[in-house]
Amino acid sequence: MLLAAGRPAAAAGALDGLPSAYARRGRFQLLRAQVLLAQGEKAAARALFDAGFDVDDLREGDEVLGETWAAISREPLPARYDFRMRPA
Protein backbone atom coordinates (compact mmCIF):
# COMPACT_ATOMS: atom_id res chain seq x y z
CA MET A 1 0.00 0.00 0.00
CA LEU A 2 1.24 3.45 -0.86
CA LEU A 3 0.49 4.86 2.56
CA ALA A 4 2.45 2.11 4.32
CA ALA A 5 5.33 2.83 1.95
CA GLY A 6 5.42 6.43 3.17
CA ARG A 7 3.83 7.85 0.04
CA PRO A 8 0.70 9.66 1.26
CA ALA A 9 0.53 11.95 -1.78
CA ALA A 10 0.47 8.96 -4.12
CA ALA A 11 -2.14 7.28 -1.90
CA ALA A 12 -4.27 10.44 -2.02
CA GLY A 13 -3.97 10.45 -5.80
CA ALA A 14 -5.13 6.85 -5.99
CA LEU A 15 -8.14 7.64 -3.79
CA ASP A 16 -8.92 10.71 -5.90
CA GLY A 17 -9.04 8.48 -8.97
CA LEU A 18 -11.72 6.18 -7.58
CA PRO A 19 -15.20 6.34 -9.09
CA SER A 20 -17.49 8.21 -6.68
CA ALA A 21 -19.53 5.07 -5.96
CA TYR A 22 -16.39 3.49 -4.50
CA ALA A 23 -15.00 6.63 -2.89
CA ARG A 24 -18.12 6.94 -0.73
CA ARG A 25 -17.71 3.45 0.74
CA GLY A 26 -16.68 3.33 4.37
CA ARG A 27 -13.43 1.45 3.79
CA PHE A 28 -12.25 4.18 1.43
CA GLN A 29 -13.43 6.93 3.79
CA LEU A 30 -11.29 5.33 6.49
CA LEU A 31 -8.35 5.15 4.11
CA ARG A 32 -8.92 8.81 3.19
CA ALA A 33 -8.81 9.73 6.90
CA GLN A 34 -5.54 7.82 7.30
CA VAL A 35 -4.05 9.55 4.26
CA LEU A 36 -5.14 12.94 5.57
CA LEU A 37 -3.49 12.17 8.90
CA ALA A 38 -0.27 11.20 7.13
CA GLN A 39 -0.40 14.54 5.31
CA GLY A 40 -0.86 16.42 8.59
CA GLU A 41 -4.53 17.23 7.93
CA LYS A 42 -5.94 16.16 11.29
CA ALA A 43 -9.00 18.46 11.10
CA ALA A 44 -9.97 17.08 7.68
CA ALA A 45 -9.59 13.51 8.95
CA ARG A 46 -11.77 14.39 11.94
CA ALA A 47 -14.40 15.85 9.61
CA LEU A 48 -14.71 12.49 7.84
CA PHE A 49 -15.34 10.74 11.15
CA ASP A 50 -17.79 13.44 12.22
CA ALA A 51 -19.71 13.11 8.92
CA GLY A 52 -19.96 9.38 9.56
CA PHE A 53 -19.17 6.27 7.59
CA ASP A 54 -19.62 2.53 8.00
CA VAL A 55 -16.86 0.06 7.18
CA ASP A 56 -18.95 -2.93 6.18
CA ASP A 57 -15.99 -5.28 5.71
CA LEU A 58 -14.40 -4.67 9.12
CA ARG A 59 -13.14 -7.90 10.65
CA GLU A 60 -14.14 -8.87 14.14
CA GLY A 61 -11.62 -7.51 16.62
CA ASP A 62 -10.04 -5.12 14.09
CA GLU A 63 -9.00 -2.00 15.95
CA VAL A 64 -8.16 0.19 12.95
CA LEU A 65 -11.03 2.58 13.66
CA GLY A 66 -9.88 3.11 17.23
CA GLU A 67 -6.25 3.46 16.22
CA THR A 68 -7.09 6.01 13.56
CA TRP A 69 -9.38 7.91 15.93
CA ALA A 70 -6.64 7.99 18.60
CA ALA A 71 -4.38 9.75 16.09
CA ILE A 72 -7.14 12.30 15.47
CA SER A 73 -8.46 13.02 18.94
CA ARG A 74 -7.90 12.45 22.63
CA GLU A 75 -11.65 12.10 23.06
CA PRO A 76 -13.11 8.63 23.58
CA LEU A 77 -13.87 6.68 20.44
CA PRO A 78 -17.44 7.51 19.38
CA ALA A 79 -19.82 4.61 20.04
CA ARG A 80 -20.71 4.25 16.34
CA TYR A 81 -17.08 3.26 15.66
CA ASP A 82 -16.43 1.15 18.76
CA PHE A 83 -16.17 -2.48 17.69
CA ARG A 84 -13.38 -3.44 20.06
CA MET A 85 -13.41 -6.92 21.52
CA ARG A 86 -11.75 -5.80 24.74
CA PRO A 87 -12.21 -2.88 27.13
CA ALA A 88 -10.68 0.48 26.23
PDB file of N, CA and C in Angstrom:
ATOM      1  N   MET A   1       0.838  -1.184   0.000  1.00  0.00           N
ATOM      2  CA  MET A   1       0.000   0.000   0.000  1.00  0.00           C
ATOM      3  C   MET A   1       0.884   1.250   0.000  1.00  0.00           C
ATOM      4  N   LEU A   2       0.459   2.225  -0.728  1.00  0.00           N
ATOM      5  CA  LEU A   2       1.243   3.452  -0.864  1.00  0.00           C
ATOM      6  C   LEU A   2       1.420   4.174   0.462  1.00  0.00           C
ATOM      7  N   LEU A   3       0.396   4.164   1.283  1.00  0.00           N
ATOM      8  CA  LEU A   3       0.488   4.859   2.565  1.00  0.00           C
ATOM      9  C   LEU A   3       1.517   4.176   3.466  1.00  0.00           C
ATOM     10  N   ALA A   4       1.486   2.863   3.510  1.00  0.00           N
ATOM     11  CA  ALA A   4       2.446   2.114   4.324  1.00  0.00           C
ATOM     12  C   ALA A   4       3.867   2.306   3.814  1.00  0.00           C
ATOM     13  N   ALA A   5       4.014   2.596   2.541  1.00  0.00           N
ATOM     14  CA  ALA A   5       5.332   2.829   1.952  1.00  0.00           C
ATOM     15  C   ALA A   5       5.802   4.265   2.163  1.00  0.00           C
ATOM     16  N   GLY A   6       5.030   5.051   2.913  1.00  0.00           N
ATOM     17  CA  GLY A   6       5.424   6.432   3.173  1.00  0.00           C
ATOM     18  C   GLY A   6       5.169   7.362   2.007  1.00  0.00           C
ATOM     19  N   ARG A   7       4.153   7.035   1.208  1.00  0.00           N
ATOM     20  CA  ARG A   7       3.829   7.849   0.038  1.00  0.00           C
ATOM     21  C   ARG A   7       2.387   8.353   0.115  1.00  0.00           C
ATOM     22  N   PRO A   8       2.089   9.212   1.101  1.00  0.00           N
ATOM     23  CA  PRO A   8       0.702   9.661   1.258  1.00  0.00           C
ATOM     24  C   PRO A   8       0.168  10.451   0.069  1.00  0.00           C
ATOM     25  N   ALA A   9       1.014  11.199  -0.615  1.00  0.00           N
ATOM     26  CA  ALA A   9       0.526  11.954  -1.777  1.00  0.00           C
ATOM     27  C   ALA A   9       0.083  11.002  -2.888  1.00  0.00           C
ATOM     28  N   ALA A  10       0.849   9.944  -3.105  1.00  0.00           N
ATOM     29  CA  ALA A  10       0.465   8.958  -4.118  1.00  0.00           C
ATOM     30  C   ALA A  10      -0.809   8.229  -3.697  1.00  0.00           C
ATOM     31  N   ALA A  11      -0.934   7.937  -2.402  1.00  0.00           N
ATOM     32  CA  ALA A  11      -2.145   7.284  -1.897  1.00  0.00           C
ATOM     33  C   ALA A  11      -3.357   8.202  -2.088  1.00  0.00           C
ATOM     34  N   ALA A  12      -3.182   9.484  -1.815  1.00  0.00           N
ATOM     35  CA  ALA A  12      -4.272  10.443  -2.021  1.00  0.00           C
ATOM     36  C   ALA A  12      -4.661  10.485  -3.487  1.00  0.00           C
ATOM     37  N   GLY A  13      -3.684  10.450  -4.377  1.00  0.00           N
ATOM     38  CA  GLY A  13      -3.971  10.449  -5.804  1.00  0.00           C
ATOM     39  C   GLY A  13      -4.749   9.222  -6.230  1.00  0.00           C
ATOM     40  N   ALA A  14      -4.395   8.079  -5.667  1.00  0.00           N
ATOM     41  CA  ALA A  14      -5.130   6.845  -5.985  1.00  0.00           C
ATOM     42  C   ALA A  14      -6.573   6.942  -5.504  1.00  0.00           C
ATOM     43  N   LEU A  15      -6.774   7.474  -4.309  1.00  0.00           N
ATOM     44  CA  LEU A  15      -8.139   7.636  -3.792  1.00  0.00           C
ATOM     45  C   LEU A  15      -8.921   8.642  -4.633  1.00  0.00           C
ATOM     46  N   ASP A  16      -8.254   9.692  -5.064  1.00  0.00           N
ATOM     47  CA  ASP A  16      -8.916  10.705  -5.897  1.00  0.00           C
ATOM     48  C   ASP A  16      -9.372  10.122  -7.230  1.00  0.00           C
ATOM     49  N   GLY A  17      -8.695   9.091  -7.693  1.00  0.00           N
ATOM     50  CA  GLY A  17      -9.038   8.484  -8.966  1.00  0.00           C
ATOM     51  C   GLY A  17     -10.159   7.457  -8.905  1.00  0.00           C
ATOM     52  N   LEU A  18     -10.643   7.165  -7.713  1.00  0.00           N
ATOM     53  CA  LEU A  18     -11.724   6.184  -7.580  1.00  0.00           C
ATOM     54  C   LEU A  18     -13.042   6.747  -8.117  1.00  0.00           C
ATOM     55  N   PRO A  19     -13.847   5.905  -8.733  1.00  0.00           N
ATOM     56  CA  PRO A  19     -15.202   6.344  -9.088  1.00  0.00           C
ATOM     57  C   PRO A  19     -15.948   6.729  -7.807  1.00  0.00           C
ATOM     58  N   SER A  20     -16.829   7.698  -7.885  1.00  0.00           N
ATOM     59  CA  SER A  20     -17.493   8.210  -6.682  1.00  0.00           C
ATOM     60  C   SER A  20     -18.268   7.130  -5.929  1.00  0.00           C
ATOM     61  N   ALA A  21     -18.806   6.150  -6.641  1.00  0.00           N
ATOM     62  CA  ALA A  21     -19.533   5.071  -5.964  1.00  0.00           C
ATOM     63  C   ALA A  21     -18.620   4.302  -5.012  1.00  0.00           C
ATOM     64  N   TYR A  22     -17.355   4.161  -5.377  1.00  0.00           N
ATOM     65  CA  TYR A  22     -16.395   3.490  -4.503  1.00  0.00           C
ATOM     66  C   TYR A  22     -15.870   4.439  -3.435  1.00  0.00           C
ATOM     67  N   ALA A  23     -15.582   5.655  -3.818  1.00  0.00           N
ATOM     68  CA  ALA A  23     -14.995   6.627  -2.892  1.00  0.00           C
ATOM     69  C   ALA A  23     -15.889   6.884  -1.681  1.00  0.00           C
ATOM     70  N   ARG A  24     -17.186   6.711  -1.839  1.00  0.00           N
ATOM     71  CA  ARG A  24     -18.123   6.945  -0.734  1.00  0.00           C
ATOM     72  C   ARG A  24     -18.197   5.768   0.237  1.00  0.00           C
ATOM     73  N   ARG A  25     -17.662   4.624  -0.137  1.00  0.00           N
ATOM     74  CA  ARG A  25     -17.705   3.450   0.741  1.00  0.00           C
ATOM     75  C   ARG A  25     -16.872   3.686   1.995  1.00  0.00           C
ATOM     76  N   GLY A  26     -17.315   3.117   3.079  1.00  0.00           N
ATOM     77  CA  GLY A  26     -16.679   3.325   4.368  1.00  0.00           C
ATOM     78  C   GLY A  26     -15.211   2.969   4.417  1.00  0.00           C
ATOM     79  N   ARG A  27     -14.827   1.858   3.780  1.00  0.00           N
ATOM     80  CA  ARG A  27     -13.426   1.453   3.791  1.00  0.00           C
ATOM     81  C   ARG A  27     -12.557   2.539   3.171  1.00  0.00           C
ATOM     82  N   PHE A  28     -13.038   3.135   2.084  1.00  0.00           N
ATOM     83  CA  PHE A  28     -12.251   4.184   1.426  1.00  0.00           C
ATOM     84  C   PHE A  28     -12.303   5.492   2.198  1.00  0.00           C
ATOM     85  N   GLN A  29     -13.382   5.750   2.926  1.00  0.00           N
ATOM     86  CA  GLN A  29     -13.429   6.933   3.787  1.00  0.00           C
ATOM     87  C   GLN A  29     -12.407   6.789   4.912  1.00  0.00           C
ATOM     88  N   LEU A  30     -12.302   5.587   5.464  1.00  0.00           N
ATOM     89  CA  LEU A  30     -11.294   5.333   6.493  1.00  0.00           C
ATOM     90  C   LEU A  30      -9.889   5.512   5.924  1.00  0.00           C
ATOM     91  N   LEU A  31      -9.650   4.966   4.749  1.00  0.00           N
ATOM     92  CA  LEU A  31      -8.347   5.153   4.109  1.00  0.00           C
ATOM     93  C   LEU A  31      -8.067   6.633   3.851  1.00  0.00           C
ATOM     94  N   ARG A  32      -9.082   7.366   3.424  1.00  0.00           N
ATOM     95  CA  ARG A  32      -8.918   8.805   3.194  1.00  0.00           C
ATOM     96  C   ARG A  32      -8.519   9.498   4.502  1.00  0.00           C
ATOM     97  N   ALA A  33      -9.159   9.138   5.607  1.00  0.00           N
ATOM     98  CA  ALA A  33      -8.813   9.730   6.902  1.00  0.00           C
ATOM     99  C   ALA A  33      -7.361   9.418   7.259  1.00  0.00           C
ATOM    100  N   GLN A  34      -6.918   8.194   6.999  1.00  0.00           N
ATOM    101  CA  GLN A  34      -5.544   7.824   7.298  1.00  0.00           C
ATOM    102  C   GLN A  34      -4.558   8.595   6.412  1.00  0.00           C
ATOM    103  N   VAL A  35      -4.904   8.774   5.168  1.00  0.00           N
ATOM    104  CA  VAL A  35      -4.055   9.553   4.261  1.00  0.00           C
ATOM    105  C   VAL A  35      -3.984  11.011   4.728  1.00  0.00           C
ATOM    106  N   LEU A  36      -5.124  11.563   5.082  1.00  0.00           N
ATOM    107  CA  LEU A  36      -5.144  12.943   5.567  1.00  0.00           C
ATOM    108  C   LEU A  36      -4.275  13.100   6.811  1.00  0.00           C
ATOM    109  N   LEU A  37      -4.341  12.135   7.710  1.00  0.00           N
ATOM    110  CA  LEU A  37      -3.485  12.175   8.897  1.00  0.00           C
ATOM    111  C   LEU A  37      -2.017  12.158   8.503  1.00  0.00           C
ATOM    112  N   ALA A  38      -1.667  11.296   7.567  1.00  0.00           N
ATOM    113  CA  ALA A  38      -0.273  11.200   7.126  1.00  0.00           C
ATOM    114  C   ALA A  38       0.200  12.491   6.471  1.00  0.00           C
ATOM    115  N   GLN A  39      -0.734  13.262   5.931  1.00  0.00           N
ATOM    116  CA  GLN A  39      -0.402  14.540   5.314  1.00  0.00           C
ATOM    117  C   GLN A  39      -0.497  15.697   6.305  1.00  0.00           C
ATOM    118  N   GLY A  40      -0.780  15.388   7.569  1.00  0.00           N
ATOM    119  CA  GLY A  40      -0.857  16.423   8.589  1.00  0.00           C
ATOM    120  C   GLY A  40      -2.188  17.154   8.632  1.00  0.00           C
ATOM    121  N   GLU A  41      -3.199  16.599   8.001  1.00  0.00           N
ATOM    122  CA  GLU A  41      -4.528  17.234   7.926  1.00  0.00           C
ATOM    123  C   GLU A  41      -5.480  16.613   8.944  1.00  0.00           C
ATOM    124  N   LYS A  42      -5.154  16.779  10.219  1.00  0.00           N
ATOM    125  CA  LYS A  42      -5.940  16.160  11.287  1.00  0.00           C
ATOM    126  C   LYS A  42      -7.393  16.646  11.302  1.00  0.00           C
ATOM    127  N   ALA A  43      -7.622  17.920  11.082  1.00  0.00           N
ATOM    128  CA  ALA A  43      -8.995  18.456  11.096  1.00  0.00           C
ATOM    129  C   ALA A  43      -9.829  17.854   9.966  1.00  0.00           C
ATOM    130  N   ALA A  44      -9.238  17.679   8.809  1.00  0.00           N
ATOM    131  CA  ALA A  44      -9.969  17.083   7.684  1.00  0.00           C
ATOM    132  C   ALA A  44     -10.282  15.615   7.956  1.00  0.00           C
ATOM    133  N   ALA A  45      -9.346  14.907   8.581  1.00  0.00           N
ATOM    134  CA  ALA A  45      -9.592  13.509   8.950  1.00  0.00           C
ATOM    135  C   ALA A  45     -10.720  13.432   9.978  1.00  0.00           C
ATOM    136  N   ARG A  46     -10.710  14.340  10.926  1.00  0.00           N
ATOM    137  CA  ARG A  46     -11.768  14.387  11.942  1.00  0.00           C
ATOM    138  C   ARG A  46     -13.120  14.657  11.290  1.00  0.00           C
ATOM    139  N   ALA A  47     -13.146  15.525  10.304  1.00  0.00           N
ATOM    140  CA  ALA A  47     -14.400  15.848   9.613  1.00  0.00           C
ATOM    141  C   ALA A  47     -15.010  14.614   8.961  1.00  0.00           C
ATOM    142  N   LEU A  48     -14.188  13.729   8.429  1.00  0.00           N
ATOM    143  CA  LEU A  48     -14.710  12.492   7.841  1.00  0.00           C
ATOM    144  C   LEU A  48     -15.381  11.626   8.906  1.00  0.00           C
ATOM    145  N   PHE A  49     -14.737  11.499  10.060  1.00  0.00           N
ATOM    146  CA  PHE A  49     -15.342  10.735  11.149  1.00  0.00           C
ATOM    147  C   PHE A  49     -16.626  11.404  11.624  1.00  0.00           C
ATOM    148  N   ASP A  50     -16.610  12.718  11.754  1.00  0.00           N
ATOM    149  CA  ASP A  50     -17.794  13.443  12.218  1.00  0.00           C
ATOM    150  C   ASP A  50     -18.956  13.301  11.237  1.00  0.00           C
ATOM    151  N   ALA A  51     -18.657  13.264   9.938  1.00  0.00           N
ATOM    152  CA  ALA A  51     -19.708  13.105   8.923  1.00  0.00           C
ATOM    153  C   ALA A  51     -20.301  11.701   8.983  1.00  0.00           C
ATOM    154  N   GLY A  52     -19.500  10.745   9.396  1.00  0.00           N
ATOM    155  CA  GLY A  52     -19.964   9.378   9.564  1.00  0.00           C
ATOM    156  C   GLY A  52     -19.737   8.501   8.350  1.00  0.00           C
ATOM    157  N   PHE A  53     -19.338   7.289   8.617  1.00  0.00           N
ATOM    158  CA  PHE A  53     -19.175   6.268   7.586  1.00  0.00           C
ATOM    159  C   PHE A  53     -19.226   4.909   8.268  1.00  0.00           C
ATOM    160  N   ASP A  54     -19.555   3.894   7.504  1.00  0.00           N
ATOM    161  CA  ASP A  54     -19.616   2.527   8.003  1.00  0.00           C
ATOM    162  C   ASP A  54     -18.672   1.665   7.178  1.00  0.00           C
ATOM    163  N   VAL A  55     -17.780   0.968   7.861  1.00  0.00           N
ATOM    164  CA  VAL A  55     -16.861   0.062   7.179  1.00  0.00           C
ATOM    165  C   VAL A  55     -17.506  -1.323   7.234  1.00  0.00           C
ATOM    166  N   ASP A  56     -18.166  -1.703   6.152  1.00  0.00           N
ATOM    167  CA  ASP A  56     -18.949  -2.932   6.176  1.00  0.00           C
ATOM    168  C   ASP A  56     -18.126  -4.206   6.084  1.00  0.00           C
ATOM    169  N   ASP A  57     -16.836  -4.088   5.787  1.00  0.00           N
ATOM    170  CA  ASP A  57     -15.995  -5.280   5.707  1.00  0.00           C
ATOM    171  C   ASP A  57     -14.975  -5.341   6.853  1.00  0.00           C
ATOM    172  N   LEU A  58     -15.288  -4.679   7.957  1.00  0.00           N
ATOM    173  CA  LEU A  58     -14.402  -4.669   9.116  1.00  0.00           C
ATOM    174  C   LEU A  58     -14.406  -6.050   9.765  1.00  0.00           C
ATOM    175  N   ARG A  59     -13.240  -6.579  10.013  1.00  0.00           N
ATOM    176  CA  ARG A  59     -13.137  -7.895  10.647  1.00  0.00           C
ATOM    177  C   ARG A  59     -13.357  -7.790  12.147  1.00  0.00           C
ATOM    178  N   GLU A  60     -13.918  -8.823  12.703  1.00  0.00           N
ATOM    179  CA  GLU A  60     -14.143  -8.874  14.144  1.00  0.00           C
ATOM    180  C   GLU A  60     -12.821  -8.684  14.870  1.00  0.00           C
ATOM    181  N   GLY A  61     -12.816  -7.779  15.832  1.00  0.00           N
ATOM    182  CA  GLY A  61     -11.624  -7.505  16.616  1.00  0.00           C
ATOM    183  C   GLY A  61     -10.662  -6.518  15.983  1.00  0.00           C
ATOM    184  N   ASP A  62     -10.915  -6.098  14.757  1.00  0.00           N
ATOM    185  CA  ASP A  62     -10.041  -5.125  14.092  1.00  0.00           C
ATOM    186  C   ASP A  62     -10.132  -3.801  14.839  1.00  0.00           C
ATOM    187  N   GLU A  63      -9.017  -3.228  15.166  1.00  0.00           N
ATOM    188  CA  GLU A  63      -9.001  -1.997  15.948  1.00  0.00           C
ATOM    189  C   GLU A  63      -8.569  -0.778  15.137  1.00  0.00           C
ATOM    190  N   VAL A  64      -8.622  -0.896  13.811  1.00  0.00           N
ATOM    191  CA  VAL A  64      -8.158   0.190  12.946  1.00  0.00           C
ATOM    192  C   VAL A  64      -8.961   1.477  13.157  1.00  0.00           C
ATOM    193  N   LEU A  65     -10.241   1.365  13.422  1.00  0.00           N
ATOM    194  CA  LEU A  65     -11.034   2.576  13.664  1.00  0.00           C
ATOM    195  C   LEU A  65     -10.556   3.289  14.927  1.00  0.00           C
ATOM    196  N   GLY A  66     -10.355   2.529  15.988  1.00  0.00           N
ATOM    197  CA  GLY A  66      -9.883   3.113  17.234  1.00  0.00           C
ATOM    198  C   GLY A  66      -8.483   3.681  17.126  1.00  0.00           C
ATOM    199  N   GLU A  67      -7.617   2.987  16.405  1.00  0.00           N
ATOM    200  CA  GLU A  67      -6.250   3.463  16.221  1.00  0.00           C
ATOM    201  C   GLU A  67      -6.220   4.751  15.411  1.00  0.00           C
ATOM    202  N   THR A  68      -7.034   4.802  14.379  1.00  0.00           N
ATOM    203  CA  THR A  68      -7.085   6.014  13.561  1.00  0.00           C
ATOM    204  C   THR A  68      -7.677   7.160  14.369  1.00  0.00           C
ATOM    205  N   TRP A  69      -8.749   6.883  15.096  1.00  0.00           N
ATOM    206  CA  TRP A  69      -9.376   7.911  15.926  1.00  0.00           C
ATOM    207  C   TRP A  69      -8.385   8.449  16.961  1.00  0.00           C
ATOM    208  N   ALA A  70      -7.607   7.567  17.580  1.00  0.00           N
ATOM    209  CA  ALA A  70      -6.645   7.995  18.604  1.00  0.00           C
ATOM    210  C   ALA A  70      -5.605   8.953  18.023  1.00  0.00           C
ATOM    211  N   ALA A  71      -5.308   8.824  16.740  1.00  0.00           N
ATOM    212  CA  ALA A  71      -4.383   9.755  16.095  1.00  0.00           C
ATOM    213  C   ALA A  71      -5.049  11.093  15.786  1.00  0.00           C
ATOM    214  N   ILE A  72      -6.368  11.098  15.775  1.00  0.00           N
ATOM    215  CA  ILE A  72      -7.140  12.303  15.468  1.00  0.00           C
ATOM    216  C   ILE A  72      -7.498  13.083  16.720  1.00  0.00           C
ATOM    217  N   SER A  73      -7.892  12.362  17.771  1.00  0.00           N
ATOM    218  CA  SER A  73      -8.465  13.015  18.942  1.00  0.00           C
ATOM    219  C   SER A  73      -8.097  12.292  20.227  1.00  0.00           C
ATOM    220  N   ARG A  74      -8.083  13.037  21.297  1.00  0.00           N
ATOM    221  CA  ARG A  74      -7.898  12.447  22.625  1.00  0.00           C
ATOM    222  C   ARG A  74      -9.241  12.082  23.248  1.00  0.00           C
ATOM    223  N   GLU A  75     -10.312  12.437  22.574  1.00  0.00           N
ATOM    224  CA  GLU A  75     -11.648  12.097  23.058  1.00  0.00           C
ATOM    225  C   GLU A  75     -11.861  10.596  22.937  1.00  0.00           C
ATOM    226  N   PRO A  76     -12.804  10.061  23.723  1.00  0.00           N
ATOM    227  CA  PRO A  76     -13.113   8.631  23.580  1.00  0.00           C
ATOM    228  C   PRO A  76     -13.641   8.329  22.179  1.00  0.00           C
ATOM    229  N   LEU A  77     -13.374   7.126  21.734  1.00  0.00           N
ATOM    230  CA  LEU A  77     -13.868   6.681  20.441  1.00  0.00           C
ATOM    231  C   LEU A  77     -15.389   6.756  20.427  1.00  0.00           C
ATOM    232  N   PRO A  78     -15.983   7.446  19.450  1.00  0.00           N
ATOM    233  CA  PRO A  78     -17.443   7.514  19.381  1.00  0.00           C
ATOM    234  C   PRO A  78     -18.057   6.111  19.304  1.00  0.00           C
ATOM    235  N   ALA A  79     -19.171   5.928  19.950  1.00  0.00           N
ATOM    236  CA  ALA A  79     -19.816   4.613  20.038  1.00  0.00           C
ATOM    237  C   ALA A  79     -20.079   3.998  18.667  1.00  0.00           C
ATOM    238  N   ARG A  80     -20.398   4.810  17.674  1.00  0.00           N
ATOM    239  CA  ARG A  80     -20.705   4.254  16.345  1.00  0.00           C
ATOM    240  C   ARG A  80     -19.507   3.573  15.697  1.00  0.00           C
ATOM    241  N   TYR A  81     -18.295   3.857  16.208  1.00  0.00           N
ATOM    242  CA  TYR A  81     -17.084   3.258  15.658  1.00  0.00           C
ATOM    243  C   TYR A  81     -16.429   2.242  16.612  1.00  0.00           C
ATOM    244  N   ASP A  82     -17.060   1.998  17.729  1.00  0.00           N
ATOM    245  CA  ASP A  82     -16.429   1.154  18.756  1.00  0.00           C
ATOM    246  C   ASP A  82     -16.818  -0.310  18.579  1.00  0.00           C
ATOM    247  N   PHE A  83     -15.944  -1.054  17.921  1.00  0.00           N
ATOM    248  CA  PHE A  83     -16.167  -2.479  17.692  1.00  0.00           C
ATOM    249  C   PHE A  83     -15.084  -3.303  18.372  1.00  0.00           C
ATOM    250  N   ARG A  84     -14.449  -2.735  19.387  1.00  0.00           N
ATOM    251  CA  ARG A  84     -13.379  -3.441  20.060  1.00  0.00           C
ATOM    252  C   ARG A  84     -13.913  -4.682  20.761  1.00  0.00           C
ATOM    253  N   MET A  85     -13.054  -5.663  20.865  1.00  0.00           N
ATOM    254  CA  MET A  85     -13.413  -6.921  21.516  1.00  0.00           C
ATOM    255  C   MET A  85     -12.885  -6.965  22.939  1.00  0.00           C
ATOM    256  N   ARG A  86     -12.287  -5.876  23.378  1.00  0.00           N
ATOM    257  CA  ARG A  86     -11.748  -5.801  24.736  1.00  0.00           C
ATOM    258  C   ARG A  86     -12.009  -4.390  25.265  1.00  0.00           C
ATOM    259  N   PRO A  87     -11.962  -4.214  26.569  1.00  0.00           N
ATOM    260  CA  PRO A  87     -12.214  -2.879  27.129  1.00  0.00           C
ATOM    261  C   PRO A  87     -11.178  -1.868  26.657  1.00  0.00           C
ATOM    262  N   ALA A  88     -11.576  -0.605  26.657  1.00  0.00           N
ATOM    263  CA  ALA A  88     -10.683   0.480  26.227  1.00  0.00           C
ATOM    264  C   ALA A  88      -9.503   0.617  27.148  1.00  0.00           C
TER     265      ALA A  88
END
